[in-house]
Protein backbone atom coordinates (compact mmCIF):
# COMPACT_ATOMS: atom_id res chain seq x y z
CA VAL A 1 0.00 0.00 0.00
CA GLN A 2 1.38 3.39 -0.96
CA LEU A 3 0.22 6.75 0.32
CA GLN A 4 1.68 9.61 -1.69
CA ALA A 5 1.88 12.85 0.26
CA SER A 6 2.79 16.07 -1.50
CA GLY A 7 2.47 19.82 -1.32
CA GLY A 8 4.99 20.72 1.34
CA GLY A 9 7.45 23.53 0.97
CA LEU A 10 8.85 26.72 2.45
CA VAL A 11 6.41 29.47 3.36
CA GLN A 12 6.55 32.62 5.43
CA ALA A 13 4.64 32.91 8.67
CA GLY A 14 1.04 33.81 7.96
CA GLY A 15 1.10 32.03 4.63
CA SER A 16 -0.82 29.05 3.33
CA LEU A 17 -0.10 25.62 1.91
CA LYS A 18 -2.26 22.76 0.73
CA LEU A 19 -1.11 19.19 1.22
CA SER A 20 -2.41 16.22 -0.72
CA CYS A 21 -2.40 12.51 0.00
CA SER A 22 -3.33 10.00 -2.67
CA THR A 23 -3.55 6.25 -2.85
CA SER A 24 -5.29 3.56 -4.81
CA LYS A 25 -9.05 3.38 -4.96
CA ARG A 26 -9.00 -0.03 -3.31
CA THR A 27 -7.06 1.32 -0.34
CA PHE A 28 -8.92 4.60 -0.14
CA SER A 29 -12.43 3.25 -0.19
CA ASN A 30 -14.42 3.11 3.03
CA ASN A 31 -11.56 4.36 5.17
CA ALA A 32 -11.04 7.40 7.32
CA VAL A 33 -7.79 9.24 6.67
CA GLY A 34 -5.72 11.31 9.03
CA TRP A 35 -2.84 13.76 8.98
CA PHE A 36 -0.05 13.72 11.53
CA ARG A 37 3.15 15.70 11.83
CA GLN A 38 6.54 15.30 13.43
CA ALA A 39 8.75 18.24 14.25
CA PRO A 40 12.49 17.81 14.79
CA GLY A 41 13.18 16.23 18.15
CA LYS A 42 9.50 15.70 18.89
CA GLU A 43 7.08 12.82 18.74
CA ARG A 44 4.62 12.41 15.91
CA GLU A 45 1.37 14.16 16.74
CA PHE A 46 -2.18 13.98 15.46
CA ILE A 47 -3.38 16.90 13.34
CA ALA A 48 -6.70 16.00 11.74
CA THR A 49 -8.85 13.16 10.55
CA ILE A 50 -11.80 12.84 8.19
CA SER A 51 -14.39 10.10 7.82
CA TRP A 52 -14.91 8.10 4.64
CA ARG A 53 -17.94 10.14 3.63
CA GLY A 54 -16.29 13.38 4.64
CA ASP A 55 -19.11 14.27 6.99
CA MET A 56 -17.07 14.05 10.16
CA SER A 57 -13.71 15.58 10.93
CA LYS A 58 -11.64 16.20 14.00
CA TYR A 59 -8.71 18.51 14.65
CA ALA A 60 -5.97 18.99 17.16
CA ASP A 61 -6.47 22.12 19.23
CA SER A 62 -3.22 23.54 17.90
CA VAL A 63 -4.57 23.75 14.33
CA LYS A 64 -8.30 24.20 14.89
CA GLY A 65 -9.58 27.18 12.91
CA ARG A 66 -6.45 27.34 10.74
CA PHE A 67 -6.34 23.93 9.04
CA THR A 68 -9.09 22.20 7.08
CA ILE A 69 -9.12 18.55 6.10
CA SER A 70 -11.17 17.47 3.10
CA ARG A 71 -11.35 14.61 0.64
CA ASP A 72 -12.29 13.90 -2.94
CA ASN A 73 -13.27 10.26 -3.12
CA ALA A 74 -13.48 10.38 -6.91
CA LYS A 75 -9.77 11.22 -6.96
CA ASN A 76 -8.79 9.01 -4.01
CA THR A 77 -7.21 12.05 -2.42
CA VAL A 78 -7.31 13.74 0.97
CA TYR A 79 -6.24 17.35 1.41
CA LEU A 80 -5.00 19.45 4.28
CA GLN A 81 -5.47 23.16 3.66
CA MET A 82 -3.30 25.14 6.02
CA HIS A 83 -3.72 28.86 6.65
CA SER A 84 -2.10 31.33 9.04
CA LEU A 85 0.95 29.14 9.28
CA LYS A 86 3.29 29.63 12.22
CA PRO A 87 6.95 28.68 12.66
CA GLU A 88 5.82 26.04 15.14
CA ASP A 89 3.93 24.32 12.32
CA THR A 90 7.28 23.38 10.81
CA ALA A 91 7.37 19.59 10.59
CA VAL A 92 7.20 16.60 8.32
CA TYR A 93 3.55 15.95 7.62
CA TYR A 94 2.31 12.40 7.17
CA CYS A 95 -0.99 11.01 6.01
CA ASN A 96 -2.32 7.89 7.66
CA LEU A 97 -4.86 5.29 6.66
CA ARG A 98 -5.35 2.42 9.09
CA VAL A 99 -1.83 1.06 9.68
CA TYR A 100 -0.37 2.66 6.57
CA TRP A 101 1.70 5.83 6.44
CA GLY A 102 2.76 8.09 3.61
CA GLN A 103 6.39 9.03 3.12
CA GLY A 104 5.88 12.49 4.56
CA THR A 105 6.17 15.96 3.09
CA LEU A 106 8.21 18.70 4.73
CA VAL A 107 6.59 21.99 5.67
CA THR A 108 8.91 24.77 6.76
CA VAL A 109 7.49 28.03 8.06
CA SER A 110 9.92 30.91 8.33
CA SER A 111 9.44 33.74 10.78
């Protein structure tokens, strides 16, 4: 199973980025998908999750109101729209589906 995460990059504080996570239709179907992140020297932490139908989502307090998780089941893709980015959002961002993890995409927020 492969989860392809993309969209990371370097952005100034206050800026925006949109991450994507894609996989096969067989893997994507009927599964919730989550985003996690791991900053240097820190443990991996939960960011957001979205249900299969996209009607339920949950966020970590640290990103609530700034990040939005969404999905397009026709494209087998989950997105993480990030606004008002802060230097403390700098991390490698991973998508997760059941026991499977993407390779991660690096987000760097400069002050």
